[in-house]
Amino acid sequence: MQCVNKKGEEFVEAAIVLPLVILTMLSMITVAVYLFRYEIIQSKAHTELARKAAGSEQVFGIKTENASYSIRSRGLFSKALSKEKTLKMYVINQSEAVMLGELAE
């Protein structure tokens, strides 16, 4: 019988796999932070639209707001991540619409 030492093999496997696992985890964290920051910006744009719609004197209208976010990733692959979205809100001033309805009768 021959005794084979497997400790060296385990260290080689760990030296190959462990950096890949760490790189994957860091990439996932970077993407999660990017998406979370974009959602914050989109939420702020939606709040601004709601504020504009609430202060509007129009009976019917459409308000728009642009939300965009971009970051430049650093590391092995440097690439700019960016995302843009145009938000729309339809404004209906209920008190004025009721008055128009009464006038139409």
PDB file of N, CA and C in Angstrom:
ATOM      1  N   MET A   1       0.825  -1.175   0.000  1.00  0.00           N
ATOM      2  CA  MET A   1       0.000   0.000   0.000  1.00  0.00           C
ATOM      3  C   MET A   1       0.873   1.243   0.000  1.00  0.00           C
ATOM      4  N   GLN A   2       0.373   2.192  -0.698  1.00  0.00           N
ATOM      5  CA  GLN A   2       1.136   3.425  -0.835  1.00  0.00           C
ATOM      6  C   GLN A   2       0.370   4.546  -0.137  1.00  0.00           C
ATOM      7  N   CYS A   3       1.016   5.331   0.695  1.00  0.00           N
ATOM      8  CA  CYS A   3       0.387   6.441   1.418  1.00  0.00           C
ATOM      9  C   CYS A   3       0.586   7.720   0.603  1.00  0.00           C
ATOM     10  N   VAL A   4      -0.528   8.332   0.228  1.00  0.00           N
ATOM     11  CA  VAL A   4      -0.465   9.535  -0.597  1.00  0.00           C
ATOM     12  C   VAL A   4      -0.866  10.726   0.268  1.00  0.00           C
ATOM     13  N   ASN A   5      -0.069  11.787   0.224  1.00  0.00           N
ATOM     14  CA  ASN A   5      -0.358  12.987   1.003  1.00  0.00           C
ATOM     15  C   ASN A   5      -1.290  13.888   0.202  1.00  0.00           C
ATOM     16  N   LYS A   6      -2.508  14.118   0.698  1.00  0.00           N
ATOM     17  CA  LYS A   6      -3.523  14.911  -0.002  1.00  0.00           C
ATOM     18  C   LYS A   6      -3.528  16.370   0.443  1.00  0.00           C
ATOM     19  N   LYS A   7      -2.739  16.733   1.421  1.00  0.00           N
ATOM     20  CA  LYS A   7      -2.763  18.108   1.925  1.00  0.00           C
ATOM     21  C   LYS A   7      -2.325  19.115   0.868  1.00  0.00           C
ATOM     22  N   GLY A   8      -1.359  18.809   0.111  1.00  0.00           N
ATOM     23  CA  GLY A   8      -0.887  19.713  -0.931  1.00  0.00           C
ATOM     24  C   GLY A   8      -1.940  19.939  -2.001  1.00  0.00           C
ATOM     25  N   GLU A   9      -2.678  18.892  -2.324  1.00  0.00           N
ATOM     26  CA  GLU A   9      -3.738  18.994  -3.323  1.00  0.00           C
ATOM     27  C   GLU A   9      -4.857  19.916  -2.839  1.00  0.00           C
ATOM     28  N   GLU A  10      -5.215  19.850  -1.583  1.00  0.00           N
ATOM     29  CA  GLU A  10      -6.264  20.705  -1.016  1.00  0.00           C
ATOM     30  C   GLU A  10      -5.852  22.175  -1.049  1.00  0.00           C
ATOM     31  N   PHE A  11      -4.609  22.458  -0.759  1.00  0.00           N
ATOM     32  CA  PHE A  11      -4.131  23.846  -0.792  1.00  0.00           C
ATOM     33  C   PHE A  11      -4.158  24.415  -2.204  1.00  0.00           C
ATOM     34  N   VAL A  12      -3.814  23.608  -3.184  1.00  0.00           N
ATOM     35  CA  VAL A  12      -3.835  24.059  -4.578  1.00  0.00           C
ATOM     36  C   VAL A  12      -5.277  24.342  -5.004  1.00  0.00           C
ATOM     37  N   GLU A  13      -6.197  23.448  -4.660  1.00  0.00           N
ATOM     38  CA  GLU A  13      -7.607  23.664  -4.998  1.00  0.00           C
ATOM     39  C   GLU A  13      -8.144  24.930  -4.335  1.00  0.00           C
ATOM     40  N   ALA A  14      -7.805  25.123  -3.074  1.00  0.00           N
ATOM     41  CA  ALA A  14      -8.259  26.315  -2.348  1.00  0.00           C
ATOM     42  C   ALA A  14      -7.649  27.579  -2.954  1.00  0.00           C
ATOM     43  N   ALA A  15      -6.400  27.512  -3.384  1.00  0.00           N
ATOM     44  CA  ALA A  15      -5.748  28.681  -3.984  1.00  0.00           C
ATOM     45  C   ALA A  15      -6.396  29.059  -5.313  1.00  0.00           C
ATOM     46  N   ILE A  16      -6.991  28.103  -5.999  1.00  0.00           N
ATOM     47  CA  ILE A  16      -7.663  28.391  -7.263  1.00  0.00           C
ATOM     48  C   ILE A  16      -9.093  28.853  -7.038  1.00  0.00           C
ATOM     49  N   VAL A  17      -9.826  28.185  -6.173  1.00  0.00           N
ATOM     50  CA  VAL A  17     -11.259  28.440  -5.998  1.00  0.00           C
ATOM     51  C   VAL A  17     -11.537  29.658  -5.124  1.00  0.00           C
ATOM     52  N   LEU A  18     -10.805  29.845  -4.048  1.00  0.00           N
ATOM     53  CA  LEU A  18     -11.098  30.922  -3.097  1.00  0.00           C
ATOM     54  C   LEU A  18     -11.070  32.317  -3.728  1.00  0.00           C
ATOM     55  N   PRO A  19     -10.088  32.692  -4.549  1.00  0.00           N
ATOM     56  CA  PRO A  19     -10.140  34.019  -5.188  1.00  0.00           C
ATOM     57  C   PRO A  19     -11.354  34.194  -6.103  1.00  0.00           C
ATOM     58  N   LEU A  20     -11.767  33.132  -6.781  1.00  0.00           N
ATOM     59  CA  LEU A  20     -12.949  33.218  -7.638  1.00  0.00           C
ATOM     60  C   LEU A  20     -14.220  33.437  -6.820  1.00  0.00           C
ATOM     61  N   VAL A  21     -14.319  32.769  -5.687  1.00  0.00           N
ATOM     62  CA  VAL A  21     -15.477  32.947  -4.813  1.00  0.00           C
ATOM     63  C   VAL A  21     -15.511  34.373  -4.262  1.00  0.00           C
ATOM     64  N   ILE A  22     -14.379  34.884  -3.831  1.00  0.00           N
ATOM     65  CA  ILE A  22     -14.313  36.247  -3.290  1.00  0.00           C
ATOM     66  C   ILE A  22     -14.646  37.261  -4.372  1.00  0.00           C
ATOM     67  N   LEU A  23     -14.116  37.092  -5.575  1.00  0.00           N
ATOM     68  CA  LEU A  23     -14.405  37.996  -6.688  1.00  0.00           C
ATOM     69  C   LEU A  23     -15.893  37.992  -7.030  1.00  0.00           C
ATOM     70  N   THR A  24     -16.502  36.812  -7.032  1.00  0.00           N
ATOM     71  CA  THR A  24     -17.937  36.712  -7.311  1.00  0.00           C
ATOM     72  C   THR A  24     -18.758  37.426  -6.242  1.00  0.00           C
ATOM     73  N   MET A  25     -18.408  37.252  -4.990  1.00  0.00           N
ATOM     74  CA  MET A  25     -19.146  37.902  -3.902  1.00  0.00           C
ATOM     75  C   MET A  25     -19.008  39.421  -3.977  1.00  0.00           C
ATOM     76  N   LEU A  26     -17.811  39.910  -4.245  1.00  0.00           N
ATOM     77  CA  LEU A  26     -17.609  41.350  -4.356  1.00  0.00           C
ATOM     78  C   LEU A  26     -18.359  41.931  -5.549  1.00  0.00           C
ATOM     79  N   SER A  27     -18.408  41.195  -6.641  1.00  0.00           N
ATOM     80  CA  SER A  27     -19.165  41.651  -7.813  1.00  0.00           C
ATOM     81  C   SER A  27     -20.649  41.728  -7.505  1.00  0.00           C
ATOM     82  N   MET A  28     -21.170  40.750  -6.801  1.00  0.00           N
ATOM     83  CA  MET A  28     -22.585  40.759  -6.426  1.00  0.00           C
ATOM     84  C   MET A  28     -22.902  41.928  -5.499  1.00  0.00           C
ATOM     85  N   ILE A  29     -22.012  42.230  -4.575  1.00  0.00           N
ATOM     86  CA  ILE A  29     -22.207  43.364  -3.677  1.00  0.00           C
ATOM     87  C   ILE A  29     -22.196  44.676  -4.460  1.00  0.00           C
ATOM     88  N   THR A  30     -21.282  44.808  -5.419  1.00  0.00           N
ATOM     89  CA  THR A  30     -21.199  46.018  -6.239  1.00  0.00           C
ATOM     90  C   THR A  30     -22.483  46.229  -7.034  1.00  0.00           C
ATOM     91  N   VAL A  31     -23.004  45.182  -7.632  1.00  0.00           N
ATOM     92  CA  VAL A  31     -24.249  45.292  -8.399  1.00  0.00           C
ATOM     93  C   VAL A  31     -25.415  45.628  -7.481  1.00  0.00           C
ATOM     94  N   ALA A  32     -25.465  45.027  -6.309  1.00  0.00           N
ATOM     95  CA  ALA A  32     -26.550  45.317  -5.360  1.00  0.00           C
ATOM     96  C   ALA A  32     -26.513  46.779  -4.913  1.00  0.00           C
ATOM     97  N   VAL A  33     -25.336  47.313  -4.638  1.00  0.00           N
ATOM     98  CA  VAL A  33     -25.211  48.720  -4.232  1.00  0.00           C
ATOM     99  C   VAL A  33     -25.625  49.636  -5.374  1.00  0.00           C
ATOM    100  N   TYR A  34     -25.222  49.299  -6.591  1.00  0.00           N
ATOM    101  CA  TYR A  34     -25.602  50.094  -7.763  1.00  0.00           C
ATOM    102  C   TYR A  34     -27.118  50.136  -7.920  1.00  0.00           C
ATOM    103  N   LEU A  35     -27.781  48.990  -7.843  1.00  0.00           N
ATOM    104  CA  LEU A  35     -29.236  48.949  -7.995  1.00  0.00           C
ATOM    105  C   LEU A  35     -29.943  49.668  -6.849  1.00  0.00           C
ATOM    106  N   PHE A  36     -29.421  49.540  -5.635  1.00  0.00           N
ATOM    107  CA  PHE A  36     -30.017  50.222  -4.487  1.00  0.00           C
ATOM    108  C   PHE A  36     -29.918  51.738  -4.640  1.00  0.00           C
ATOM    109  N   ARG A  37     -28.774  52.235  -5.069  1.00  0.00           N
ATOM    110  CA  ARG A  37     -28.616  53.681  -5.274  1.00  0.00           C
ATOM    111  C   ARG A  37     -29.525  54.194  -6.382  1.00  0.00           C
ATOM    112  N   TYR A  38     -29.701  53.410  -7.444  1.00  0.00           N
ATOM    113  CA  TYR A  38     -30.602  53.818  -8.512  1.00  0.00           C
ATOM    114  C   TYR A  38     -32.046  53.874  -8.011  1.00  0.00           C
ATOM    115  N   GLU A  39     -32.434  52.917  -7.194  1.00  0.00           N
ATOM    116  CA  GLU A  39     -33.796  52.929  -6.645  1.00  0.00           C
ATOM    117  C   GLU A  39     -34.018  54.148  -5.753  1.00  0.00           C
ATOM    118  N   ILE A  40     -33.007  54.574  -5.023  1.00  0.00           N
ATOM    119  CA  ILE A  40     -33.124  55.787  -4.209  1.00  0.00           C
ATOM    120  C   ILE A  40     -33.345  57.004  -5.104  1.00  0.00           C
ATOM    121  N   ILE A  41     -32.579  57.106  -6.187  1.00  0.00           N
ATOM    122  CA  ILE A  41     -32.728  58.237  -7.109  1.00  0.00           C
ATOM    123  C   ILE A  41     -34.101  58.204  -7.781  1.00  0.00           C
ATOM    124  N   GLN A  42     -34.564  57.024  -8.150  1.00  0.00           N
ATOM    125  CA  GLN A  42     -35.881  56.902  -8.772  1.00  0.00           C
ATOM    126  C   GLN A  42     -36.975  57.282  -7.779  1.00  0.00           C
ATOM    127  N   SER A  43     -36.818  56.917  -6.541  1.00  0.00           N
ATOM    128  CA  SER A  43     -37.791  57.279  -5.510  1.00  0.00           C
ATOM    129  C   SER A  43     -37.838  58.790  -5.305  1.00  0.00           C
ATOM    130  N   LYS A  44     -36.676  59.440  -5.304  1.00  0.00           N
ATOM    131  CA  LYS A  44     -36.643  60.891  -5.178  1.00  0.00           C
ATOM    132  C   LYS A  44     -37.326  61.565  -6.365  1.00  0.00           C
ATOM    133  N   ALA A  45     -37.122  61.035  -7.564  1.00  0.00           N
ATOM    134  CA  ALA A  45     -37.770  61.593  -8.753  1.00  0.00           C
ATOM    135  C   ALA A  45     -39.282  61.422  -8.665  1.00  0.00           C
ATOM    136  N   HIS A  46     -39.737  60.292  -8.162  1.00  0.00           N
ATOM    137  CA  HIS A  46     -41.174  60.064  -8.006  1.00  0.00           C
ATOM    138  C   HIS A  46     -41.767  61.027  -6.972  1.00  0.00           C
ATOM    139  N   THR A  47     -41.055  61.250  -5.879  1.00  0.00           N
ATOM    140  CA  THR A  47     -41.518  62.194  -4.861  1.00  0.00           C
ATOM    141  C   THR A  47     -41.600  63.605  -5.432  1.00  0.00           C
ATOM    142  N   GLU A  48     -40.627  63.987  -6.247  1.00  0.00           N
ATOM    143  CA  GLU A  48     -40.637  65.306  -6.882  1.00  0.00           C
ATOM    144  C   GLU A  48     -41.817  65.433  -7.836  1.00  0.00           C
ATOM    145  N   LEU A  49     -42.117  64.371  -8.583  1.00  0.00           N
ATOM    146  CA  LEU A  49     -43.277  64.387  -9.472  1.00  0.00           C
ATOM    147  C   LEU A  49     -44.574  64.547  -8.682  1.00  0.00           C
ATOM    148  N   ALA A  50     -44.688  63.849  -7.586  1.00  0.00           N
ATOM    149  CA  ALA A  50     -45.894  63.950  -6.763  1.00  0.00           C
ATOM    150  C   ALA A  50     -46.045  65.366  -6.203  1.00  0.00           C
ATOM    151  N   ARG A  51     -44.922  65.993  -5.819  1.00  0.00           N
ATOM    152  CA  ARG A  51     -44.970  67.360  -5.315  1.00  0.00           C
ATOM    153  C   ARG A  51     -45.412  68.329  -6.416  1.00  0.00           C
ATOM    154  N   LYS A  52     -44.871  68.148  -7.628  1.00  0.00           N
ATOM    155  CA  LYS A  52     -45.263  68.999  -8.749  1.00  0.00           C
ATOM    156  C   LYS A  52     -46.741  68.820  -9.082  1.00  0.00           C
ATOM    157  N   ALA A  53     -47.220  67.578  -9.062  1.00  0.00           N
ATOM    158  CA  ALA A  53     -48.619  67.301  -9.394  1.00  0.00           C
ATOM    159  C   ALA A  53     -49.556  67.882  -8.345  1.00  0.00           C
ATOM    160  N   ALA A  54     -49.167  67.827  -7.086  1.00  0.00           N
ATOM    161  CA  ALA A  54     -50.022  68.345  -6.016  1.00  0.00           C
ATOM    162  C   ALA A  54     -50.150  69.866  -6.102  1.00  0.00           C
ATOM    163  N   GLY A  55     -49.125  70.553  -6.559  1.00  0.00           N
ATOM    164  CA  GLY A  55     -49.163  72.010  -6.646  1.00  0.00           C
ATOM    165  C   GLY A  55     -49.612  72.523  -7.999  1.00  0.00           C
ATOM    166  N   SER A  56     -50.055  71.635  -8.874  1.00  0.00           N
ATOM    167  CA  SER A  56     -50.427  72.035 -10.217  1.00  0.00           C
ATOM    168  C   SER A  56     -51.822  72.652 -10.244  1.00  0.00           C
ATOM    169  N   GLU A  57     -51.993  73.643 -11.092  1.00  0.00           N
ATOM    170  CA  GLU A  57     -53.293  74.288 -11.288  1.00  0.00           C
ATOM    171  C   GLU A  57     -54.045  73.703 -12.474  1.00  0.00           C
ATOM    172  N   GLN A  58     -53.430  72.790 -13.211  1.00  0.00           N
ATOM    173  CA  GLN A  58     -54.048  72.195 -14.380  1.00  0.00           C
ATOM    174  C   GLN A  58     -55.167  71.243 -13.958  1.00  0.00           C
ATOM    175  N   VAL A  59     -56.193  71.147 -14.807  1.00  0.00           N
ATOM    176  CA  VAL A  59     -57.248  70.172 -14.552  1.00  0.00           C
ATOM    177  C   VAL A  59     -56.745  68.787 -14.957  1.00  0.00           C
ATOM    178  N   PHE A  60     -56.198  68.688 -16.153  1.00  0.00           N
ATOM    179  CA  PHE A  60     -55.584  67.455 -16.630  1.00  0.00           C
ATOM    180  C   PHE A  60     -54.200  67.803 -17.160  1.00  0.00           C
ATOM    181  N   GLY A  61     -53.241  66.930 -16.913  1.00  0.00           N
ATOM    182  CA  GLY A  61     -51.902  67.195 -17.426  1.00  0.00           C
ATOM    183  C   GLY A  61     -50.983  66.008 -17.197  1.00  0.00           C
ATOM    184  N   ILE A  62     -49.812  66.105 -17.777  1.00  0.00           N
ATOM    185  CA  ILE A  62     -48.792  65.070 -17.622  1.00  0.00           C
ATOM    186  C   ILE A  62     -47.508  65.756 -17.162  1.00  0.00           C
ATOM    187  N   LYS A  63     -46.960  65.284 -16.081  1.00  0.00           N
ATOM    188  CA  LYS A  63     -45.675  65.783 -15.575  1.00  0.00           C
ATOM    189  C   LYS A  63     -44.626  64.697 -15.810  1.00  0.00           C
ATOM    190  N   THR A  64     -43.418  65.097 -16.179  1.00  0.00           N
ATOM    191  CA  THR A  64     -42.336  64.136 -16.406  1.00  0.00           C
ATOM    192  C   THR A  64     -41.111  64.520 -15.580  1.00  0.00           C
ATOM    193  N   GLU A  65     -40.337  63.509 -15.264  1.00  0.00           N
ATOM    194  CA  GLU A  65     -39.097  63.699 -14.509  1.00  0.00           C
ATOM    195  C   GLU A  65     -38.127  62.615 -14.971  1.00  0.00           C
ATOM    196  N   ASN A  66     -36.885  62.993 -15.181  1.00  0.00           N
ATOM    197  CA  ASN A  66     -35.859  62.033 -15.592  1.00  0.00           C
ATOM    198  C   ASN A  66     -35.053  61.588 -14.382  1.00  0.00           C
ATOM    199  N   ALA A  67     -34.782  60.302 -14.322  1.00  0.00           N
ATOM    200  CA  ALA A  67     -33.930  59.751 -13.267  1.00  0.00           C
ATOM    201  C   ALA A  67     -32.802  58.991 -13.943  1.00  0.00           C
ATOM    202  N   SER A  68     -31.577  59.333 -13.598  1.00  0.00           N
ATOM    203  CA  SER A  68     -30.435  58.619 -14.175  1.00  0.00           C
ATOM    204  C   SER A  68     -29.348  58.464 -13.122  1.00  0.00           C
ATOM    205  N   TYR A  69     -28.593  57.395 -13.268  1.00  0.00           N
ATOM    206  CA  TYR A  69     -27.517  57.116 -12.330  1.00  0.00           C
ATOM    207  C   TYR A  69     -26.432  56.354 -13.063  1.00  0.00           C
ATOM    208  N   SER A  70     -25.194  56.665 -12.782  1.00  0.00           N
ATOM    209  CA  SER A  70     -24.089  55.922 -13.381  1.00  0.00           C
ATOM    210  C   SER A  70     -22.904  55.895 -12.424  1.00  0.00           C
ATOM    211  N   ILE A  71     -22.198  54.794 -12.457  1.00  0.00           N
ATOM    212  CA  ILE A  71     -20.959  54.663 -11.694  1.00  0.00           C
ATOM    213  C   ILE A  71     -19.921  54.021 -12.600  1.00  0.00           C
ATOM    214  N   ARG A  72     -18.696  54.250 -12.284  1.00  0.00           N
ATOM    215  CA  ARG A  72     -17.595  53.651 -13.029  1.00  0.00           C
ATOM    216  C   ARG A  72     -16.997  52.574 -12.145  1.00  0.00           C
ATOM    217  N   SER A  73     -17.062  51.338 -12.594  1.00  0.00           N
ATOM    218  CA  SER A  73     -16.508  50.246 -11.804  1.00  0.00           C
ATOM    219  C   SER A  73     -14.991  50.227 -11.956  1.00  0.00           C
ATOM    220  N   ARG A  74     -14.336  49.815 -10.906  1.00  0.00           N
ATOM    221  CA  ARG A  74     -12.879  49.717 -10.921  1.00  0.00           C
ATOM    222  C   ARG A  74     -12.500  48.264 -10.699  1.00  0.00           C
ATOM    223  N   GLY A  75     -11.345  47.914 -11.131  1.00  0.00           N
ATOM    224  CA  GLY A  75     -10.872  46.566 -10.899  1.00  0.00           C
ATOM    225  C   GLY A  75     -10.421  45.905 -12.179  1.00  0.00           C
ATOM    226  N   LEU A  76     -10.623  44.605 -12.232  1.00  0.00           N
ATOM    227  CA  LEU A  76     -10.168  43.820 -13.366  1.00  0.00           C
ATOM    228  C   LEU A  76     -10.852  44.253 -14.658  1.00  0.00           C
ATOM    229  N   PHE A  77     -12.162  44.452 -14.599  1.00  0.00           N
ATOM    230  CA  PHE A  77     -12.927  44.938 -15.747  1.00  0.00           C
ATOM    231  C   PHE A  77     -13.486  46.300 -15.398  1.00  0.00           C
ATOM    232  N   SER A  78     -12.954  47.362 -15.981  1.00  0.00           N
ATOM    233  CA  SER A  78     -13.477  48.689 -15.682  1.00  0.00           C
ATOM    234  C   SER A  78     -14.501  49.052 -16.746  1.00  0.00           C
ATOM    235  N   LYS A  79     -15.708  49.290 -16.289  1.00  0.00           N
ATOM    236  CA  LYS A  79     -16.795  49.610 -17.191  1.00  0.00           C
ATOM    237  C   LYS A  79     -17.749  50.541 -16.462  1.00  0.00           C
ATOM    238  N   ALA A  80     -18.359  51.448 -17.211  1.00  0.00           N
ATOM    239  CA  ALA A  80     -19.326  52.359 -16.614  1.00  0.00           C
ATOM    240  C   ALA A  80     -20.703  51.698 -16.613  1.00  0.00           C
ATOM    241  N   LEU A  81     -21.319  51.662 -15.457  1.00  0.00           N
ATOM    242  CA  LEU A  81     -22.682  51.166 -15.340  1.00  0.00           C
ATOM    243  C   LEU A  81     -23.601  52.375 -15.289  1.00  0.00           C
ATOM    244  N   SER A  82     -24.597  52.409 -16.138  1.00  0.00           N
ATOM    245  CA  SER A  82     -25.515  53.549 -16.114  1.00  0.00           C
ATOM    246  C   SER A  82     -26.932  53.069 -16.398  1.00  0.00           C
ATOM    247  N   LYS A  83     -27.876  53.826 -15.862  1.00  0.00           N
ATOM    248  CA  LYS A  83     -29.271  53.490 -16.033  1.00  0.00           C
ATOM    249  C   LYS A  83     -30.061  54.785 -16.067  1.00  0.00           C
ATOM    250  N   GLU A  84     -30.995  54.895 -16.999  1.00  0.00           N
ATOM    251  CA  GLU A  84     -31.830  56.087 -17.133  1.00  0.00           C
ATOM    252  C   GLU A  84     -33.292  55.680 -17.230  1.00  0.00           C
ATOM    253  N   LYS A  85     -34.157  56.533 -16.711  1.00  0.00           N
ATOM    254  CA  LYS A  85     -35.581  56.260 -16.787  1.00  0.00           C
ATOM    255  C   LYS A  85     -36.330  57.580 -16.777  1.00  0.00           C
ATOM    256  N   THR A  86     -37.366  57.675 -17.597  1.00  0.00           N
ATOM    257  CA  THR A  86     -38.236  58.842 -17.604  1.00  0.00           C
ATOM    258  C   THR A  86     -39.536  58.459 -16.914  1.00  0.00           C
ATOM    259  N   LEU A  87     -39.856  59.187 -15.875  1.00  0.00           N
ATOM    260  CA  LEU A  87     -41.068  58.918 -15.106  1.00  0.00           C
ATOM    261  C   LEU A  87     -42.163  59.875 -15.542  1.00  0.00           C
ATOM    262  N   LYS A  88     -43.390  59.375 -15.635  1.00  0.00           N
ATOM    263  CA  LYS A  88     -44.538  60.203 -15.994  1.00  0.00           C
ATOM    264  C   LYS A  88     -45.586  60.109 -14.897  1.00  0.00           C
ATOM    265  N   MET A  89     -46.236  61.217 -14.639  1.00  0.00           N
ATOM    266  CA  MET A  89     -47.344  61.230 -13.700  1.00  0.00           C
ATOM    267  C   MET A  89     -48.475  62.014 -14.335  1.00  0.00           C
ATOM    268  N   TYR A  90     -49.661  61.435 -14.311  1.00  0.00           N
ATOM    269  CA  TYR A  90     -50.836  62.096 -14.863  1.00  0.00           C
ATOM    270  C   TYR A  90     -51.504  62.898 -13.764  1.00  0.00           C
ATOM    271  N   VAL A  91     -51.727  64.184 -14.044  1.00  0.00           N
ATOM    272  CA  VAL A  91     -52.290  65.093 -13.062  1.00  0.00           C
ATOM    273  C   VAL A  91     -53.779  65.252 -13.341  1.00  0.00           C
ATOM    274  N   ILE A  92     -54.583  64.993 -12.337  1.00  0.00           N
ATOM    275  CA  ILE A  92     -56.020  65.235 -12.424  1.00  0.00           C
ATOM    276  C   ILE A  92     -56.391  66.020 -11.167  1.00  0.00           C
ATOM    277  N   ASN A  93     -56.725  67.269 -11.366  1.00  0.00           N
ATOM    278  CA  ASN A  93     -57.135  68.115 -10.259  1.00  0.00           C
ATOM    279  C   ASN A  93     -58.622  67.859 -10.017  1.00  0.00           C
ATOM    280  N   GLN A  94     -58.927  67.114  -8.972  1.00  0.00           N
ATOM    281  CA  GLN A  94     -60.287  66.635  -8.760  1.00  0.00           C
ATOM    282  C   GLN A  94     -61.293  67.759  -8.531  1.00  0.00           C
ATOM    283  N   SER A  95     -60.911  68.745  -7.770  1.00  0.00           N
ATOM    284  CA  SER A  95     -61.869  69.818  -7.482  1.00  0.00           C
ATOM    285  C   SER A  95     -62.225  70.591  -8.754  1.00  0.00           C
ATOM    286  N   GLU A  96     -61.245  70.843  -9.588  1.00  0.00           N
ATOM    287  CA  GLU A  96     -61.517  71.532 -10.851  1.00  0.00           C
ATOM    288  C   GLU A  96     -62.283  70.634 -11.816  1.00  0.00           C
ATOM    289  N   ALA A  97     -62.002  69.351 -11.825  1.00  0.00           N
ATOM    290  CA  ALA A  97     -62.700  68.425 -12.708  1.00  0.00           C
ATOM    291  C   ALA A  97     -64.167  68.317 -12.327  1.00  0.00           C
ATOM    292  N   VAL A  98     -64.474  68.350 -11.030  1.00  0.00           N
ATOM    293  CA  VAL A  98     -65.876  68.306 -10.583  1.00  0.00           C
ATOM    294  C   VAL A  98     -66.600  69.564 -11.032  1.00  0.00           C
ATOM    295  N   MET A  99     -65.927  70.702 -10.925  1.00  0.00           N
ATOM    296  CA  MET A  99     -66.550  71.954 -11.361  1.00  0.00           C
ATOM    297  C   MET A  99     -66.807  71.939 -12.861  1.00  0.00           C
ATOM    298  N   LEU A 100     -65.871  71.371 -13.653  1.00  0.00           N
ATOM    299  CA  LEU A 100     -66.080  71.267 -15.085  1.00  0.00           C
ATOM    300  C   LEU A 100     -67.265  70.337 -15.397  1.00  0.00           C
ATOM    301  N   GLY A 101     -67.375  69.280 -14.618  1.00  0.00           N
ATOM    302  CA  GLY A 101     -68.482  68.351 -14.811  1.00  0.00           C
ATOM    303  C   GLY A 101     -69.817  69.017 -14.542  1.00  0.00           C
ATOM    304  N   GLU A 102     -69.862  69.858 -13.521  1.00  0.00           N
ATOM    305  CA  GLU A 102     -71.100  70.581 -13.204  1.00  0.00           C
ATOM    306  C   GLU A 102     -71.443  71.576 -14.288  1.00  0.00           C
ATOM    307  N   LEU A 103     -70.438  72.200 -14.883  1.00  0.00           N
ATOM    308  CA  LEU A 103     -70.682  73.145 -15.953  1.00  0.00           C
ATOM    309  C   LEU A 103     -71.188  72.444 -17.215  1.00  0.00           C
ATOM    310  N   ALA A 104     -70.728  71.200 -17.438  1.00  0.00           N
ATOM    311  CA  ALA A 104     -71.129  70.460 -18.628  1.00  0.00           C
ATOM    312  C   ALA A 104     -72.599  70.035 -18.557  1.00  0.00           C
ATOM    313  N   GLU A 105     -73.138  69.924 -17.354  1.00  0.00           N
ATOM    314  CA  GLU A 105     -74.536  69.487 -17.226  1.00  0.00           C
ATOM    315  C   GLU A 105     -75.424  70.601 -17.593  1.00  0.00           C
TER     316      GLU A 105
END
